[in-house]
């Protein structure tokens, strides 16, 4: 089984997310992460979908998503040629004995303390999937009260944007 990260440009219209998630439901595809937001162009949104499956399933996911009317472009991002990040907020139980130690661990992971209460702290951490997992494993030695993660967001490295790759100006204008 392989993990794939798809960057999907869509028209920023009502119901697009429902249509894409409905496709995954109907086809029985497994989504690991699904994030999206408006791009620098308010008419376009970018959705990052992380899915797992064999080659046939992943090819089918890309093919089926590309067929949706609201989809402008789908690109599977190369892990080595892209920057992938996730944001996590972790609320950890603290006391006078462990607070300094938790702060030091957070600092070593370049985490940021975003809230301090007498018996807990909330730590913000950003990084790749392995860094987030490693930090969560460290915090398991303390009491994690709760946590939330954004899912992966990603951009291809280099000077070209997603629409610059393999597109002519004519096809871009027709799609956007």
C-alpha atoms as a PDB file:
ATOM      1  CA  UNK A   1       0.000   0.000   0.000  1.00  0.00           C
ATOM      2  CA  UNK A   2       1.285   3.434  -0.941  1.00  0.00           C
ATOM      3  CA  UNK A   3       0.396   6.940   0.252  1.00  0.00           C
ATOM      4  CA  UNK A   4      -0.266   9.612  -2.376  1.00  0.00           C
ATOM      5  CA  UNK A   5      -0.719  13.373  -2.000  1.00  0.00           C
ATOM      6  CA  UNK A   6      -2.991  14.959  -4.610  1.00  0.00           C
ATOM      7  CA  UNK A   7      -3.191  18.704  -5.155  1.00  0.00           C
ATOM      8  CA  UNK A   8      -6.581  19.524  -6.660  1.00  0.00           C
ATOM      9  CA  UNK A   9      -7.584  22.911  -8.078  1.00  0.00           C
ATOM     10  CA  UNK A  10     -11.340  23.446  -8.180  1.00  0.00           C
ATOM     11  CA  UNK A  11     -13.756  26.232  -8.971  1.00  0.00           C
ATOM     12  CA  UNK A  12     -14.595  27.911  -5.666  1.00  0.00           C
ATOM     13  CA  UNK A  13     -18.313  27.165  -5.739  1.00  0.00           C
ATOM     14  CA  UNK A  14     -20.947  25.838  -3.392  1.00  0.00           C
ATOM     15  CA  UNK A  15     -21.086  22.037  -3.173  1.00  0.00           C
ATOM     16  CA  UNK A  16     -17.641  21.220  -4.628  1.00  0.00           C
ATOM     17  CA  UNK A  17     -16.352  19.574  -1.450  1.00  0.00           C
ATOM     18  CA  UNK A  18     -19.553  17.541  -1.155  1.00  0.00           C
ATOM     19  CA  UNK A  19     -19.175  16.262  -4.722  1.00  0.00           C
ATOM     20  CA  UNK A  20     -15.528  15.290  -4.192  1.00  0.00           C
ATOM     21  CA  UNK A  21     -16.109  13.607  -0.824  1.00  0.00           C
ATOM     22  CA  UNK A  22     -19.191  11.885  -2.266  1.00  0.00           C
ATOM     23  CA  UNK A  23     -17.023  10.385  -4.994  1.00  0.00           C
ATOM     24  CA  UNK A  24     -14.725   8.900  -2.349  1.00  0.00           C
ATOM     25  CA  UNK A  25     -17.705   7.509  -0.459  1.00  0.00           C
ATOM     26  CA  UNK A  26     -19.356   5.982  -3.550  1.00  0.00           C
ATOM     27  CA  UNK A  27     -16.137   4.390  -4.781  1.00  0.00           C
ATOM     28  CA  UNK A  28     -14.996   3.242  -1.337  1.00  0.00           C
ATOM     29  CA  UNK A  29     -11.677   5.091  -1.538  1.00  0.00           C
ATOM     30  CA  UNK A  30      -9.850   5.688   1.735  1.00  0.00           C
ATOM     31  CA  UNK A  31      -8.991   9.322   2.485  1.00  0.00           C
ATOM     32  CA  UNK A  32      -6.238   9.839   5.056  1.00  0.00           C
ATOM     33  CA  UNK A  33      -6.402  13.647   4.956  1.00  0.00           C
ATOM     34  CA  UNK A  34      -8.564  16.228   3.191  1.00  0.00           C
ATOM     35  CA  UNK A  35      -7.838  19.952   3.483  1.00  0.00           C
ATOM     36  CA  UNK A  36      -8.830  22.904   1.362  1.00  0.00           C
ATOM     37  CA  UNK A  37      -9.049  26.653   1.150  1.00  0.00           C
ATOM     38  CA  UNK A  38      -9.408  29.508  -1.298  1.00  0.00           C
ATOM     39  CA  UNK A  39      -6.209  30.311  -3.239  1.00  0.00           C
ATOM     40  CA  UNK A  40      -4.692  33.662  -4.157  1.00  0.00           C
ATOM     41  CA  UNK A  41      -7.444  33.745  -6.807  1.00  0.00           C
ATOM     42  CA  UNK A  42     -10.829  33.900  -4.985  1.00  0.00           C
ATOM     43  CA  UNK A  43     -12.478  31.983  -7.848  1.00  0.00           C
ATOM     44  CA  UNK A  44     -10.258  28.941  -7.226  1.00  0.00           C
ATOM     45  CA  UNK A  45      -9.750  26.698  -4.213  1.00  0.00           C
ATOM     46  CA  UNK A  46      -6.951  24.209  -3.651  1.00  0.00           C
ATOM     47  CA  UNK A  47      -7.744  20.913  -1.977  1.00  0.00           C
ATOM     48  CA  UNK A  48      -5.003  18.595  -0.761  1.00  0.00           C
ATOM     49  CA  UNK A  49      -6.105  14.982  -0.580  1.00  0.00           C
ATOM     50  CA  UNK A  50      -3.960  12.271   0.973  1.00  0.00           C
ATOM     51  CA  UNK A  51      -5.055   8.755   0.134  1.00  0.00           C
ATOM     52  CA  UNK A  52      -3.676   5.259   0.561  1.00  0.00           C
ATOM     53  CA  UNK A  53      -4.009   2.327  -1.748  1.00  0.00           C
ATOM     54  CA  UNK A  54      -2.321   0.215  -4.369  1.00  0.00           C
ATOM     55  CA  UNK A  55      -1.246   1.730  -7.696  1.00  0.00           C
ATOM     56  CA  UNK A  56      -4.532   0.856  -9.391  1.00  0.00           C
ATOM     57  CA  UNK A  57      -6.614   2.484  -6.632  1.00  0.00           C
ATOM     58  CA  UNK A  58      -4.488   5.649  -6.601  1.00  0.00           C
ATOM     59  CA  UNK A  59      -4.633   5.937 -10.401  1.00  0.00           C
ATOM     60  CA  UNK A  60      -8.394   5.479 -10.199  1.00  0.00           C
ATOM     61  CA  UNK A  61      -8.704   8.201  -7.542  1.00  0.00           C
ATOM     62  CA  UNK A  62      -6.844  10.690  -9.742  1.00  0.00           C
ATOM     63  CA  UNK A  63      -8.823   9.699 -12.824  1.00  0.00           C
ATOM     64  CA  UNK A  64     -12.213   9.913 -11.095  1.00  0.00           C
ATOM     65  CA  UNK A  65     -11.486  13.267  -9.415  1.00  0.00           C
ATOM     66  CA  UNK A  66     -10.302  14.718 -12.763  1.00  0.00           C
ATOM     67  CA  UNK A  67     -13.675  13.844 -14.303  1.00  0.00           C
ATOM     68  CA  UNK A  68     -15.660  16.007 -11.871  1.00  0.00           C
ATOM     69  CA  UNK A  69     -17.053  19.146 -13.509  1.00  0.00           C
ATOM     70  CA  UNK A  70     -15.726  21.604 -10.914  1.00  0.00           C
ATOM     71  CA  UNK A  71     -12.170  20.233 -11.021  1.00  0.00           C
ATOM     72  CA  UNK A  72      -9.644  22.330 -12.925  1.00  0.00           C
ATOM     73  CA  UNK A  73      -6.559  20.168 -12.394  1.00  0.00           C
ATOM     74  CA  UNK A  74      -5.294  17.229 -10.326  1.00  0.00           C
ATOM     75  CA  UNK A  75      -1.593  16.642  -9.703  1.00  0.00           C
ATOM     76  CA  UNK A  76      -0.022  13.885  -7.634  1.00  0.00           C
ATOM     77  CA  UNK A  77       2.818  15.574  -5.786  1.00  0.00           C
ATOM     78  CA  UNK A  78       6.231  13.951  -5.670  1.00  0.00           C
ATOM     79  CA  UNK A  79       7.202  13.612  -2.009  1.00  0.00           C
ATOM     80  CA  UNK A  80      10.836  14.540  -2.700  1.00  0.00           C
ATOM     81  CA  UNK A  81       9.969  17.484  -4.973  1.00  0.00           C
ATOM     82  CA  UNK A  82       7.343  19.068  -2.743  1.00  0.00           C
ATOM     83  CA  UNK A  83       7.034  20.735   0.632  1.00  0.00           C
ATOM     84  CA  UNK A  84       4.472  19.032   2.844  1.00  0.00           C
ATOM     85  CA  UNK A  85       3.404  20.320   6.239  1.00  0.00           C
ATOM     86  CA  UNK A  86       0.800  19.715   8.882  1.00  0.00           C
ATOM     87  CA  UNK A  87      -0.254  21.831  11.850  1.00  0.00           C
ATOM     88  CA  UNK A  88      -1.163  20.294  15.199  1.00  0.00           C
ATOM     89  CA  UNK A  89      -2.434  21.757  18.452  1.00  0.00           C
ATOM     90  CA  UNK A  90      -1.800  19.534  21.465  1.00  0.00           C
ATOM     91  CA  UNK A  91      -3.200  20.224  24.930  1.00  0.00           C
ATOM     92  CA  UNK A  92      -0.980  18.626  27.580  1.00  0.00           C
ATOM     93  CA  UNK A  93      -1.605  18.316  31.298  1.00  0.00           C
ATOM     94  CA  UNK A  94       1.094  20.114  33.292  1.00  0.00           C
ATOM     95  CA  UNK A  95       2.100  20.676  36.857  1.00  0.00           C
ATOM     96  CA  UNK A  96       4.973  22.418  38.623  1.00  0.00           C
ATOM     97  CA  UNK A  97       7.195  19.327  38.186  1.00  0.00           C
ATOM     98  CA  UNK A  98       6.896  18.777  34.438  1.00  0.00           C
ATOM     99  CA  UNK A  99       6.072  22.199  32.967  1.00  0.00           C
ATOM    100  CA  UNK A 100       9.705  23.185  32.253  1.00  0.00           C
ATOM    101  CA  UNK A 101      10.460  19.786  30.736  1.00  0.00           C
ATOM    102  CA  UNK A 102       7.421  20.015  28.426  1.00  0.00           C
ATOM    103  CA  UNK A 103       8.460  23.542  27.377  1.00  0.00           C
ATOM    104  CA  UNK A 104      11.973  22.292  26.545  1.00  0.00           C
ATOM    105  CA  UNK A 105      10.658  19.393  24.469  1.00  0.00           C
ATOM    106  CA  UNK A 106       8.308  21.729  22.605  1.00  0.00           C
ATOM    107  CA  UNK A 107      11.205  24.112  21.932  1.00  0.00           C
ATOM    108  CA  UNK A 108      13.429  21.293  20.643  1.00  0.00           C
ATOM    109  CA  UNK A 109      10.688  20.454  18.100  1.00  0.00           C
ATOM    110  CA  UNK A 110      10.342  24.174  17.256  1.00  0.00           C
ATOM    111  CA  UNK A 111       6.902  24.059  18.810  1.00  0.00           C
ATOM    112  CA  UNK A 112       5.241  27.154  20.153  1.00  0.00           C
ATOM    113  CA  UNK A 113       3.365  27.449  23.429  1.00  0.00           C
ATOM    114  CA  UNK A 114       0.135  29.228  22.438  1.00  0.00           C
ATOM    115  CA  UNK A 115      -1.820  28.947  25.694  1.00  0.00           C
ATOM    116  CA  UNK A 116      -0.856  28.453  29.326  1.00  0.00           C
ATOM    117  CA  UNK A 117      -3.260  27.540  32.101  1.00  0.00           C
ATOM    118  CA  UNK A 118      -2.418  26.468  35.668  1.00  0.00           C
ATOM    119  CA  UNK A 119      -2.872  22.764  34.790  1.00  0.00           C
ATOM    120  CA  UNK A 120      -2.331  22.617  31.020  1.00  0.00           C
ATOM    121  CA  UNK A 121      -0.588  24.094  28.018  1.00  0.00           C
ATOM    122  CA  UNK A 122      -1.487  24.115  24.348  1.00  0.00           C
ATOM    123  CA  UNK A 123       1.435  23.578  21.998  1.00  0.00           C
ATOM    124  CA  UNK A 124       1.375  24.460  18.302  1.00  0.00           C
ATOM    125  CA  UNK A 125       3.674  22.408  16.120  1.00  0.00           C
ATOM    126  CA  UNK A 126       4.160  22.496  12.373  1.00  0.00           C
ATOM    127  CA  UNK A 127       6.107  20.019  10.288  1.00  0.00           C
ATOM    128  CA  UNK A 128       6.059  16.927   8.181  1.00  0.00           C
ATOM    129  CA  UNK A 129       4.098  13.867   9.217  1.00  0.00           C
ATOM    130  CA  UNK A 130       7.080  12.177  10.872  1.00  0.00           C
ATOM    131  CA  UNK A 131       7.853  15.236  13.016  1.00  0.00           C
ATOM    132  CA  UNK A 132       4.239  15.508  14.208  1.00  0.00           C
ATOM    133  CA  UNK A 133       4.141  11.784  15.056  1.00  0.00           C
ATOM    134  CA  UNK A 134       7.483  11.982  16.890  1.00  0.00           C
ATOM    135  CA  UNK A 135       6.292  14.950  18.943  1.00  0.00           C
ATOM    136  CA  UNK A 136       3.027  13.201  19.833  1.00  0.00           C
ATOM    137  CA  UNK A 137       5.002  10.128  20.903  1.00  0.00           C
ATOM    138  CA  UNK A 138       7.130  12.322  23.201  1.00  0.00           C
ATOM    139  CA  UNK A 139       4.016  13.910  24.705  1.00  0.00           C
ATOM    140  CA  UNK A 140       2.524  10.468  25.452  1.00  0.00           C
ATOM    141  CA  UNK A 141       4.945  10.336  28.401  1.00  0.00           C
ATOM    142  CA  UNK A 142       2.814  13.136  29.838  1.00  0.00           C
ATOM    143  CA  UNK A 143      -0.971  13.306  29.651  1.00  0.00           C
ATOM    144  CA  UNK A 144      -2.330  14.492  26.314  1.00  0.00           C
ATOM    145  CA  UNK A 145      -5.735  15.954  27.144  1.00  0.00           C
ATOM    146  CA  UNK A 146      -6.688  16.416  23.515  1.00  0.00           C
ATOM    147  CA  UNK A 147      -5.189  17.186  20.137  1.00  0.00           C
ATOM    148  CA  UNK A 148      -6.279  18.342  16.705  1.00  0.00           C
ATOM    149  CA  UNK A 149      -4.455  18.211  13.373  1.00  0.00           C
ATOM    150  CA  UNK A 150      -5.071  20.001  10.105  1.00  0.00           C
ATOM    151  CA  UNK A 151      -4.057  17.262   7.735  1.00  0.00           C
ATOM    152  CA  UNK A 152      -1.340  17.687   5.152  1.00  0.00           C
ATOM    153  CA  UNK A 153      -0.997  20.715   2.927  1.00  0.00           C
ATOM    154  CA  UNK A 154       1.605  20.697   0.174  1.00  0.00           C
ATOM    155  CA  UNK A 155       3.147  22.653  -2.687  1.00  0.00           C
ATOM    156  CA  UNK A 156       5.490  21.503  -5.424  1.00  0.00           C
ATOM    157  CA  UNK A 157       8.978  23.041  -5.187  1.00  0.00           C
ATOM    158  CA  UNK A 158      10.259  25.428  -7.859  1.00  0.00           C
ATOM    159  CA  UNK A 159       9.144  28.524  -9.686  1.00  0.00           C
ATOM    160  CA  UNK A 160       6.190  27.003 -11.540  1.00  0.00           C
ATOM    161  CA  UNK A 161       2.659  26.861 -10.198  1.00  0.00           C
ATOM    162  CA  UNK A 162       0.254  23.973 -10.616  1.00  0.00           C
ATOM    163  CA  UNK A 163      -1.322  25.567 -13.702  1.00  0.00           C
ATOM    164  CA  UNK A 164       2.070  26.191 -15.318  1.00  0.00           C
ATOM    165  CA  UNK A 165       2.865  22.502 -15.604  1.00  0.00           C
ATOM    166  CA  UNK A 166       1.834  20.866 -18.895  1.00  0.00           C
ATOM    167  CA  UNK A 167      -0.730  23.590 -19.642  1.00  0.00           C
ATOM    168  CA  UNK A 168      -0.848  26.040 -22.494  1.00  0.00           C
ATOM    169  CA  UNK A 169      -2.215  29.537 -21.958  1.00  0.00           C
ATOM    170  CA  UNK A 170      -5.218  28.566 -24.038  1.00  0.00           C
ATOM    171  CA  UNK A 171      -6.256  25.654 -21.801  1.00  0.00           C
ATOM    172  CA  UNK A 172      -5.677  27.701 -18.624  1.00  0.00           C
ATOM    173  CA  UNK A 173      -8.000  30.439 -19.811  1.00  0.00           C
ATOM    174  CA  UNK A 174     -10.648  27.892 -20.708  1.00  0.00           C
ATOM    175  CA  UNK A 175     -10.492  26.266 -17.268  1.00  0.00           C
ATOM    176  CA  UNK A 176     -10.198  29.302 -15.010  1.00  0.00           C
END
